[in-house]
Amino acid sequence: MDKLDKYEEEILRAYENDELKSGGLTKEMKEKYVQYARNTFQKNKRINIRISEWDLLRLKAKSLDEGIPFQALVSSLIHKYVKGTIEID
């Protein structure tokens, strides 16, 4: 293990002396995070799209390679795009 810097040593000392305390969540923060979780896992809308047969076959092959269901892969790609974590050329 690498040497700890001064800040890390302080944290470790406080942990070992049982001095760390949770900052806790305010009611508003907890409600906000609950809503984030609900929105993330909510799959209540259906869409129909037309794509080329070649793209469909490649998407299905990719889903097999990744070991995830085809629709989950498509949903994940859309989610990542709208979140801004992937870009389209």
PDB file of N, CA and C in Angstrom:
ATOM      1  N   MET A   1       0.848  -1.186   0.000  1.00  0.00           N
ATOM      2  CA  MET A   1       0.000   0.000   0.000  1.00  0.00           C
ATOM      3  C   MET A   1       0.887   1.241   0.000  1.00  0.00           C
ATOM      4  N   ASP A   2       0.505   2.228  -0.781  1.00  0.00           N
ATOM      5  CA  ASP A   2       1.267   3.470  -0.832  1.00  0.00           C
ATOM      6  C   ASP A   2       1.121   4.234   0.474  1.00  0.00           C
ATOM      7  N   LYS A   3       2.071   5.128   0.693  1.00  0.00           N
ATOM      8  CA  LYS A   3       1.982   5.968   1.895  1.00  0.00           C
ATOM      9  C   LYS A   3       0.796   6.906   1.782  1.00  0.00           C
ATOM     10  N   LEU A   4       0.205   7.178   2.897  1.00  0.00           N
ATOM     11  CA  LEU A   4      -0.926   8.090   2.949  1.00  0.00           C
ATOM     12  C   LEU A   4      -0.430   9.517   3.060  1.00  0.00           C
ATOM     13  N   ASP A   5      -1.153  10.444   2.410  1.00  0.00           N
ATOM     14  CA  ASP A   5      -0.802  11.845   2.602  1.00  0.00           C
ATOM     15  C   ASP A   5      -1.415  12.309   3.929  1.00  0.00           C
ATOM     16  N   LYS A   6      -1.126  13.552   4.289  1.00  0.00           N
ATOM     17  CA  LYS A   6      -1.555  14.068   5.590  1.00  0.00           C
ATOM     18  C   LYS A   6      -3.077  14.022   5.756  1.00  0.00           C
ATOM     19  N   TYR A   7      -3.796  14.401   4.722  1.00  0.00           N
ATOM     20  CA  TYR A   7      -5.255  14.413   4.771  1.00  0.00           C
ATOM     21  C   TYR A   7      -5.799  12.996   4.967  1.00  0.00           C
ATOM     22  N   GLU A   8      -5.249  12.038   4.220  1.00  0.00           N
ATOM     23  CA  GLU A   8      -5.693  10.650   4.348  1.00  0.00           C
ATOM     24  C   GLU A   8      -5.381  10.090   5.735  1.00  0.00           C
ATOM     25  N   GLU A   9      -4.236  10.475   6.292  1.00  0.00           N
ATOM     26  CA  GLU A   9      -3.885  10.037   7.641  1.00  0.00           C
ATOM     27  C   GLU A   9      -4.885  10.558   8.660  1.00  0.00           C
ATOM     28  N   GLU A  10      -5.334  11.822   8.486  1.00  0.00           N
ATOM     29  CA  GLU A  10      -6.332  12.396   9.390  1.00  0.00           C
ATOM     30  C   GLU A  10      -7.644  11.615   9.323  1.00  0.00           C
ATOM     31  N   ILE A  11      -8.045  11.278   8.109  1.00  0.00           N
ATOM     32  CA  ILE A  11      -9.285  10.522   7.940  1.00  0.00           C
ATOM     33  C   ILE A  11      -9.159   9.150   8.594  1.00  0.00           C
ATOM     34  N   LEU A  12      -8.042   8.482   8.363  1.00  0.00           N
ATOM     35  CA  LEU A  12      -7.828   7.162   8.940  1.00  0.00           C
ATOM     36  C   LEU A  12      -7.814   7.225  10.468  1.00  0.00           C
ATOM     37  N   ARG A  13      -7.152   8.239  11.025  1.00  0.00           N
ATOM     38  CA  ARG A  13      -7.104   8.395  12.476  1.00  0.00           C
ATOM     39  C   ARG A  13      -8.506   8.617  13.021  1.00  0.00           C
ATOM     40  N   ALA A  14      -9.275   9.486  12.374  1.00  0.00           N
ATOM     41  CA  ALA A  14     -10.638   9.762  12.833  1.00  0.00           C
ATOM     42  C   ALA A  14     -11.496   8.496  12.749  1.00  0.00           C
ATOM     43  N   TYR A  15     -11.325   7.718  11.689  1.00  0.00           N
ATOM     44  CA  TYR A  15     -12.071   6.475  11.545  1.00  0.00           C
ATOM     45  C   TYR A  15     -11.708   5.499  12.650  1.00  0.00           C
ATOM     46  N   GLU A  16     -10.419   5.339  12.896  1.00  0.00           N
ATOM     47  CA  GLU A  16      -9.966   4.391  13.911  1.00  0.00           C
ATOM     48  C   GLU A  16     -10.399   4.802  15.314  1.00  0.00           C
ATOM     49  N   ASN A  17     -10.555   6.104  15.541  1.00  0.00           N
ATOM     50  CA  ASN A  17     -10.984   6.598  16.850  1.00  0.00           C
ATOM     51  C   ASN A  17     -12.499   6.773  16.940  1.00  0.00           C
ATOM     52  N   ASP A  18     -13.201   6.276  15.937  1.00  0.00           N
ATOM     53  CA  ASP A  18     -14.664   6.351  15.913  1.00  0.00           C
ATOM     54  C   ASP A  18     -15.167   7.789  16.000  1.00  0.00           C
ATOM     55  N   GLU A  19     -14.477   8.701  15.315  1.00  0.00           N
ATOM     56  CA  GLU A  19     -14.829  10.115  15.373  1.00  0.00           C
ATOM     57  C   GLU A  19     -15.594  10.600  14.145  1.00  0.00           C
ATOM     58  N   LEU A  20     -15.749   9.747  13.140  1.00  0.00           N
ATOM     59  CA  LEU A  20     -16.458  10.170  11.936  1.00  0.00           C
ATOM     60  C   LEU A  20     -17.952  10.089  12.173  1.00  0.00           C
ATOM     61  N   LYS A  21     -18.663  11.101  11.686  1.00  0.00           N
ATOM     62  CA  LYS A  21     -20.107  11.136  11.842  1.00  0.00           C
ATOM     63  C   LYS A  21     -20.737  11.433  10.494  1.00  0.00           C
ATOM     64  N   SER A  22     -21.861  10.806  10.248  1.00  0.00           N
ATOM     65  CA  SER A  22     -22.596  11.044   9.014  1.00  0.00           C
ATOM     66  C   SER A  22     -23.178  12.448   9.030  1.00  0.00           C
ATOM     67  N   GLY A  23     -23.099  13.090   7.886  1.00  0.00           N
ATOM     68  CA  GLY A  23     -23.699  14.414   7.752  1.00  0.00           C
ATOM     69  C   GLY A  23     -25.211  14.306   7.657  1.00  0.00           C
ATOM     70  N   GLY A  24     -25.704  13.123   7.301  1.00  0.00           N
ATOM     71  CA  GLY A  24     -27.138  12.910   7.204  1.00  0.00           C
ATOM     72  C   GLY A  24     -27.734  13.597   5.991  1.00  0.00           C
ATOM     73  N   LEU A  25     -28.902  13.180   5.641  1.00  0.00           N
ATOM     74  CA  LEU A  25     -29.628  13.782   4.531  1.00  0.00           C
ATOM     75  C   LEU A  25     -30.797  14.589   5.072  1.00  0.00           C
ATOM     76  N   THR A  26     -30.991  15.752   4.483  1.00  0.00           N
ATOM     77  CA  THR A  26     -32.188  16.507   4.833  1.00  0.00           C
ATOM     78  C   THR A  26     -33.373  15.822   4.170  1.00  0.00           C
ATOM     79  N   LYS A  27     -34.548  16.126   4.623  1.00  0.00           N
ATOM     80  CA  LYS A  27     -35.748  15.533   4.043  1.00  0.00           C
ATOM     81  C   LYS A  27     -35.843  15.875   2.556  1.00  0.00           C
ATOM     82  N   GLU A  28     -35.498  17.109   2.205  1.00  0.00           N
ATOM     83  CA  GLU A  28     -35.561  17.541   0.810  1.00  0.00           C
ATOM     84  C   GLU A  28     -34.554  16.766  -0.052  1.00  0.00           C
ATOM     85  N   MET A  29     -33.343  16.568   0.469  1.00  0.00           N
ATOM     86  CA  MET A  29     -32.330  15.831  -0.278  1.00  0.00           C
ATOM     87  C   MET A  29     -32.775  14.389  -0.500  1.00  0.00           C
ATOM     88  N   LYS A  30     -33.329  13.776   0.535  1.00  0.00           N
ATOM     89  CA  LYS A  30     -33.780  12.392   0.419  1.00  0.00           C
ATOM     90  C   LYS A  30     -34.882  12.275  -0.618  1.00  0.00           C
ATOM     91  N   GLU A  31     -35.847  13.190  -0.604  1.00  0.00           N
ATOM     92  CA  GLU A  31     -36.929  13.175  -1.581  1.00  0.00           C
ATOM     93  C   GLU A  31     -36.395  13.336  -2.999  1.00  0.00           C
ATOM     94  N   LYS A  32     -35.397  14.216  -3.150  1.00  0.00           N
ATOM     95  CA  LYS A  32     -34.792  14.447  -4.465  1.00  0.00           C
ATOM     96  C   LYS A  32     -34.133  13.166  -4.978  1.00  0.00           C
ATOM     97  N   TYR A  33     -33.374  12.479  -4.127  1.00  0.00           N
ATOM     98  CA  TYR A  33     -32.694  11.252  -4.542  1.00  0.00           C
ATOM     99  C   TYR A  33     -33.677  10.120  -4.814  1.00  0.00           C
ATOM    100  N   VAL A  34     -34.762  10.064  -4.062  1.00  0.00           N
ATOM    101  CA  VAL A  34     -35.796   9.057  -4.316  1.00  0.00           C
ATOM    102  C   VAL A  34     -36.400   9.296  -5.698  1.00  0.00           C
ATOM    103  N   GLN A  35     -36.656  10.553  -6.028  1.00  0.00           N
ATOM    104  CA  GLN A  35     -37.219  10.875  -7.345  1.00  0.00           C
ATOM    105  C   GLN A  35     -36.229  10.540  -8.464  1.00  0.00           C
ATOM    106  N   TYR A  36     -34.939  10.820  -8.246  1.00  0.00           N
ATOM    107  CA  TYR A  36     -33.918  10.446  -9.235  1.00  0.00           C
ATOM    108  C   TYR A  36     -33.954   8.946  -9.494  1.00  0.00           C
ATOM    109  N   ALA A  37     -34.031   8.159  -8.427  1.00  0.00           N
ATOM    110  CA  ALA A  37     -34.051   6.704  -8.555  1.00  0.00           C
ATOM    111  C   ALA A  37     -35.300   6.249  -9.302  1.00  0.00           C
ATOM    112  N   ARG A  38     -36.436   6.816  -8.972  1.00  0.00           N
ATOM    113  CA  ARG A  38     -37.678   6.442  -9.663  1.00  0.00           C
ATOM    114  C   ARG A  38     -37.585   6.744 -11.156  1.00  0.00           C
ATOM    115  N   ASN A  39     -37.077   7.934 -11.488  1.00  0.00           N
ATOM    116  CA  ASN A  39     -36.973   8.317 -12.896  1.00  0.00           C
ATOM    117  C   ASN A  39     -35.989   7.426 -13.648  1.00  0.00           C
ATOM    118  N   THR A  40     -34.933   7.018 -12.983  1.00  0.00           N
ATOM    119  CA  THR A  40     -33.922   6.190 -13.624  1.00  0.00           C
ATOM    120  C   THR A  40     -34.465   4.825 -13.993  1.00  0.00           C
ATOM    121  N   PHE A  41     -35.250   4.227 -13.118  1.00  0.00           N
ATOM    122  CA  PHE A  41     -35.700   2.865 -13.339  1.00  0.00           C
ATOM    123  C   PHE A  41     -37.098   2.755 -13.928  1.00  0.00           C
ATOM    124  N   GLN A  42     -37.739   3.883 -14.136  1.00  0.00           N
ATOM    125  CA  GLN A  42     -39.092   3.864 -14.672  1.00  0.00           C
ATOM    126  C   GLN A  42     -39.040   3.636 -16.185  1.00  0.00           C
ATOM    127  N   LYS A  43     -39.689   2.612 -16.631  1.00  0.00           N
ATOM    128  CA  LYS A  43     -39.728   2.288 -18.053  1.00  0.00           C
ATOM    129  C   LYS A  43     -41.198   2.181 -18.450  1.00  0.00           C
ATOM    130  N   ASN A  44     -41.842   3.323 -18.594  1.00  0.00           N
ATOM    131  CA  ASN A  44     -43.275   3.280 -18.813  1.00  0.00           C
ATOM    132  C   ASN A  44     -43.712   3.817 -20.176  1.00  0.00           C
ATOM    133  N   LYS A  45     -42.768   4.089 -21.049  1.00  0.00           N
ATOM    134  CA  LYS A  45     -43.136   4.590 -22.374  1.00  0.00           C
ATOM    135  C   LYS A  45     -42.590   3.659 -23.440  1.00  0.00           C
ATOM    136  N   ARG A  46     -43.351   3.494 -24.476  1.00  0.00           N
ATOM    137  CA  ARG A  46     -42.967   2.633 -25.584  1.00  0.00           C
ATOM    138  C   ARG A  46     -42.777   3.503 -26.817  1.00  0.00           C
ATOM    139  N   ILE A  47     -41.767   3.172 -27.620  1.00  0.00           N
ATOM    140  CA  ILE A  47     -41.584   3.864 -28.891  1.00  0.00           C
ATOM    141  C   ILE A  47     -41.448   2.830 -29.998  1.00  0.00           C
ATOM    142  N   ASN A  48     -41.810   3.219 -31.203  1.00  0.00           N
ATOM    143  CA  ASN A  48     -41.602   2.398 -32.390  1.00  0.00           C
ATOM    144  C   ASN A  48     -40.724   3.183 -33.346  1.00  0.00           C
ATOM    145  N   ILE A  49     -39.688   2.547 -33.855  1.00  0.00           N
ATOM    146  CA  ILE A  49     -38.816   3.221 -34.808  1.00  0.00           C
ATOM    147  C   ILE A  49     -38.560   2.291 -35.992  1.00  0.00           C
ATOM    148  N   ARG A  50     -38.204   2.875 -37.098  1.00  0.00           N
ATOM    149  CA  ARG A  50     -37.806   2.104 -38.279  1.00  0.00           C
ATOM    150  C   ARG A  50     -36.305   2.327 -38.460  1.00  0.00           C
ATOM    151  N   ILE A  51     -35.569   1.218 -38.539  1.00  0.00           N
ATOM    152  CA  ILE A  51     -34.135   1.294 -38.795  1.00  0.00           C
ATOM    153  C   ILE A  51     -33.788   0.265 -39.861  1.00  0.00           C
ATOM    154  N   SER A  52     -32.626   0.418 -40.443  1.00  0.00           N
ATOM    155  CA  SER A  52     -32.223  -0.518 -41.493  1.00  0.00           C
ATOM    156  C   SER A  52     -32.041  -1.917 -40.915  1.00  0.00           C
ATOM    157  N   GLU A  53     -32.239  -2.906 -41.754  1.00  0.00           N
ATOM    158  CA  GLU A  53     -32.082  -4.286 -41.313  1.00  0.00           C
ATOM    159  C   GLU A  53     -30.645  -4.530 -40.843  1.00  0.00           C
ATOM    160  N   TRP A  54     -29.681  -3.954 -41.562  1.00  0.00           N
ATOM    161  CA  TRP A  54     -28.268  -4.135 -41.195  1.00  0.00           C
ATOM    162  C   TRP A  54     -28.011  -3.600 -39.786  1.00  0.00           C
ATOM    163  N   ASP A  55     -28.527  -2.376 -39.477  1.00  0.00           N
ATOM    164  CA  ASP A  55     -28.345  -1.805 -38.137  1.00  0.00           C
ATOM    165  C   ASP A  55     -28.998  -2.684 -37.074  1.00  0.00           C
ATOM    166  N   LEU A  56     -30.177  -3.196 -37.384  1.00  0.00           N
ATOM    167  CA  LEU A  56     -30.874  -4.060 -36.433  1.00  0.00           C
ATOM    168  C   LEU A  56     -30.071  -5.333 -36.156  1.00  0.00           C
ATOM    169  N   LEU A  57     -29.562  -5.946 -37.198  1.00  0.00           N
ATOM    170  CA  LEU A  57     -28.756  -7.155 -37.015  1.00  0.00           C
ATOM    171  C   LEU A  57     -27.499  -6.868 -36.206  1.00  0.00           C
ATOM    172  N   ARG A  58     -26.832  -5.742 -36.465  1.00  0.00           N
ATOM    173  CA  ARG A  58     -25.620  -5.373 -35.725  1.00  0.00           C
ATOM    174  C   ARG A  58     -25.950  -5.076 -34.262  1.00  0.00           C
ATOM    175  N   LEU A  59     -27.075  -4.400 -34.008  1.00  0.00           N
ATOM    176  CA  LEU A  59     -27.486  -4.134 -32.623  1.00  0.00           C
ATOM    177  C   LEU A  59     -27.744  -5.432 -31.871  1.00  0.00           C
ATOM    178  N   LYS A  60     -28.427  -6.362 -32.528  1.00  0.00           N
ATOM    179  CA  LYS A  60     -28.711  -7.643 -31.878  1.00  0.00           C
ATOM    180  C   LYS A  60     -27.417  -8.421 -31.624  1.00  0.00           C
ATOM    181  N   ALA A  61     -26.476  -8.348 -32.566  1.00  0.00           N
ATOM    182  CA  ALA A  61     -25.185  -9.022 -32.375  1.00  0.00           C
ATOM    183  C   ALA A  61     -24.426  -8.385 -31.210  1.00  0.00           C
ATOM    184  N   LYS A  62     -24.464  -7.064 -31.139  1.00  0.00           N
ATOM    185  CA  LYS A  62     -23.791  -6.368 -30.032  1.00  0.00           C
ATOM    186  C   LYS A  62     -24.412  -6.758 -28.700  1.00  0.00           C
ATOM    187  N   SER A  63     -25.729  -6.883 -28.651  1.00  0.00           N
ATOM    188  CA  SER A  63     -26.379  -7.242 -27.388  1.00  0.00           C
ATOM    189  C   SER A  63     -25.948  -8.633 -26.955  1.00  0.00           C
ATOM    190  N   LEU A  64     -25.786  -9.543 -27.917  1.00  0.00           N
ATOM    191  CA  LEU A  64     -25.283 -10.879 -27.580  1.00  0.00           C
ATOM    192  C   LEU A  64     -23.851 -10.804 -27.068  1.00  0.00           C
ATOM    193  N   ASP A  65     -23.008  -9.995 -27.741  1.00  0.00           N
ATOM    194  CA  ASP A  65     -21.617  -9.830 -27.303  1.00  0.00           C
ATOM    195  C   ASP A  65     -21.537  -9.275 -25.890  1.00  0.00           C
ATOM    196  N   GLU A  66     -22.418  -8.328 -25.577  1.00  0.00           N
ATOM    197  CA  GLU A  66     -22.414  -7.687 -24.262  1.00  0.00           C
ATOM    198  C   GLU A  66     -23.109  -8.535 -23.205  1.00  0.00           C
ATOM    199  N   GLY A  67     -23.894  -9.496 -23.658  1.00  0.00           N
ATOM    200  CA  GLY A  67     -24.603 -10.362 -22.720  1.00  0.00           C
ATOM    201  C   GLY A  67     -25.793  -9.686 -22.059  1.00  0.00           C
ATOM    202  N   ILE A  68     -26.394  -8.724 -22.769  1.00  0.00           N
ATOM    203  CA  ILE A  68     -27.575  -8.047 -22.228  1.00  0.00           C
ATOM    204  C   ILE A  68     -28.701  -8.141 -23.253  1.00  0.00           C
ATOM    205  N   PRO A  69     -29.951  -8.084 -22.807  1.00  0.00           N
ATOM    206  CA  PRO A  69     -31.075  -8.139 -23.750  1.00  0.00           C
ATOM    207  C   PRO A  69     -31.015  -6.982 -24.752  1.00  0.00           C
ATOM    208  N   PHE A  70     -31.474  -7.265 -25.960  1.00  0.00           N
ATOM    209  CA  PHE A  70     -31.453  -6.290 -27.053  1.00  0.00           C
ATOM    210  C   PHE A  70     -32.112  -4.967 -26.675  1.00  0.00           C
ATOM    211  N   GLN A  71     -33.327  -5.036 -26.124  1.00  0.00           N
ATOM    212  CA  GLN A  71     -34.034  -3.795 -25.790  1.00  0.00           C
ATOM    213  C   GLN A  71     -33.333  -3.029 -24.672  1.00  0.00           C
ATOM    214  N   ALA A  72     -32.695  -3.734 -23.756  1.00  0.00           N
ATOM    215  CA  ALA A  72     -31.944  -3.056 -22.693  1.00  0.00           C
ATOM    216  C   ALA A  72     -30.759  -2.305 -23.285  1.00  0.00           C
ATOM    217  N   LEU A  73     -30.106  -2.887 -24.294  1.00  0.00           N
ATOM    218  CA  LEU A  73     -28.988  -2.205 -24.955  1.00  0.00           C
ATOM    219  C   LEU A  73     -29.463  -0.935 -25.645  1.00  0.00           C
ATOM    220  N   VAL A  74     -30.555  -1.029 -26.384  1.00  0.00           N
ATOM    221  CA  VAL A  74     -31.088   0.143 -27.082  1.00  0.00           C
ATOM    222  C   VAL A  74     -31.486   1.222 -26.078  1.00  0.00           C
ATOM    223  N   SER A  75     -32.168   0.817 -25.012  1.00  0.00           N
ATOM    224  CA  SER A  75     -32.579   1.774 -23.978  1.00  0.00           C
ATOM    225  C   SER A  75     -31.361   2.433 -23.333  1.00  0.00           C
ATOM    226  N   SER A  76     -30.336   1.639 -23.079  1.00  0.00           N
ATOM    227  CA  SER A  76     -29.114   2.170 -22.470  1.00  0.00           C
ATOM    228  C   SER A  76     -28.427   3.170 -23.393  1.00  0.00           C
ATOM    229  N   LEU A  77     -28.374   2.869 -24.675  1.00  0.00           N
ATOM    230  CA  LEU A  77     -27.761   3.789 -25.638  1.00  0.00           C
ATOM    231  C   LEU A  77     -28.511   5.120 -25.688  1.00  0.00           C
ATOM    232  N   ILE A  78     -29.829   5.043 -25.720  1.00  0.00           N
ATOM    233  CA  ILE A  78     -30.630   6.268 -25.741  1.00  0.00           C
ATOM    234  C   ILE A  78     -30.405   7.067 -24.457  1.00  0.00           C
ATOM    235  N   HIS A  79     -30.424   6.372 -23.319  1.00  0.00           N
ATOM    236  CA  HIS A  79     -30.232   7.044 -22.033  1.00  0.00           C
ATOM    237  C   HIS A  79     -28.867   7.734 -21.975  1.00  0.00           C
ATOM    238  N   LYS A  80     -27.827   7.037 -22.397  1.00  0.00           N
ATOM    239  CA  LYS A  80     -26.483   7.625 -22.377  1.00  0.00           C
ATOM    240  C   LYS A  80     -26.389   8.822 -23.308  1.00  0.00           C
ATOM    241  N   TYR A  81     -27.049   8.759 -24.455  1.00  0.00           N
ATOM    242  CA  TYR A  81     -27.023   9.884 -25.386  1.00  0.00           C
ATOM    243  C   TYR A  81     -27.709  11.118 -24.807  1.00  0.00           C
ATOM    244  N   VAL A  82     -28.907  10.947 -24.259  1.00  0.00           N
ATOM    245  CA  VAL A  82     -29.627  12.110 -23.740  1.00  0.00           C
ATOM    246  C   VAL A  82     -28.948  12.662 -22.492  1.00  0.00           C
ATOM    247  N   LYS A  83     -28.224  11.795 -21.771  1.00  0.00           N
ATOM    248  CA  LYS A  83     -27.467  12.243 -20.587  1.00  0.00           C
ATOM    249  C   LYS A  83     -26.189  12.981 -20.995  1.00  0.00           C
ATOM    250  N   GLY A  84     -25.768  12.773 -22.242  1.00  0.00           N
ATOM    251  CA  GLY A  84     -24.567  13.459 -22.724  1.00  0.00           C
ATOM    252  C   GLY A  84     -23.281  12.671 -22.513  1.00  0.00           C
ATOM    253  N   THR A  85     -23.390  11.388 -22.175  1.00  0.00           N
ATOM    254  CA  THR A  85     -22.165  10.615 -21.943  1.00  0.00           C
ATOM    255  C   THR A  85     -21.651   9.953 -23.209  1.00  0.00           C
ATOM    256  N   ILE A  86     -22.468   9.931 -24.275  1.00  0.00           N
ATOM    257  CA  ILE A  86     -21.964   9.511 -25.584  1.00  0.00           C
ATOM    258  C   ILE A  86     -22.440  10.514 -26.613  1.00  0.00           C
ATOM    259  N   GLU A  87     -21.675  10.661 -27.680  1.00  0.00           N
ATOM    260  CA  GLU A  87     -22.028  11.588 -28.747  1.00  0.00           C
ATOM    261  C   GLU A  87     -22.164  10.811 -30.046  1.00  0.00           C
ATOM    262  N   ILE A  88     -22.940  11.360 -30.954  1.00  0.00           N
ATOM    263  CA  ILE A  88     -23.117  10.758 -32.267  1.00  0.00           C
ATOM    264  C   ILE A  88     -22.320  11.584 -33.269  1.00  0.00           C
ATOM    265  N   ASP A  89     -21.583  10.862 -34.102  1.00  0.00           N
ATOM    266  CA  ASP A  89     -20.768  11.554 -35.124  1.00  0.00           C
ATOM    267  C   ASP A  89     -21.607  12.339 -36.078  1.00  0.00           C
TER     268      ASP A  89
END
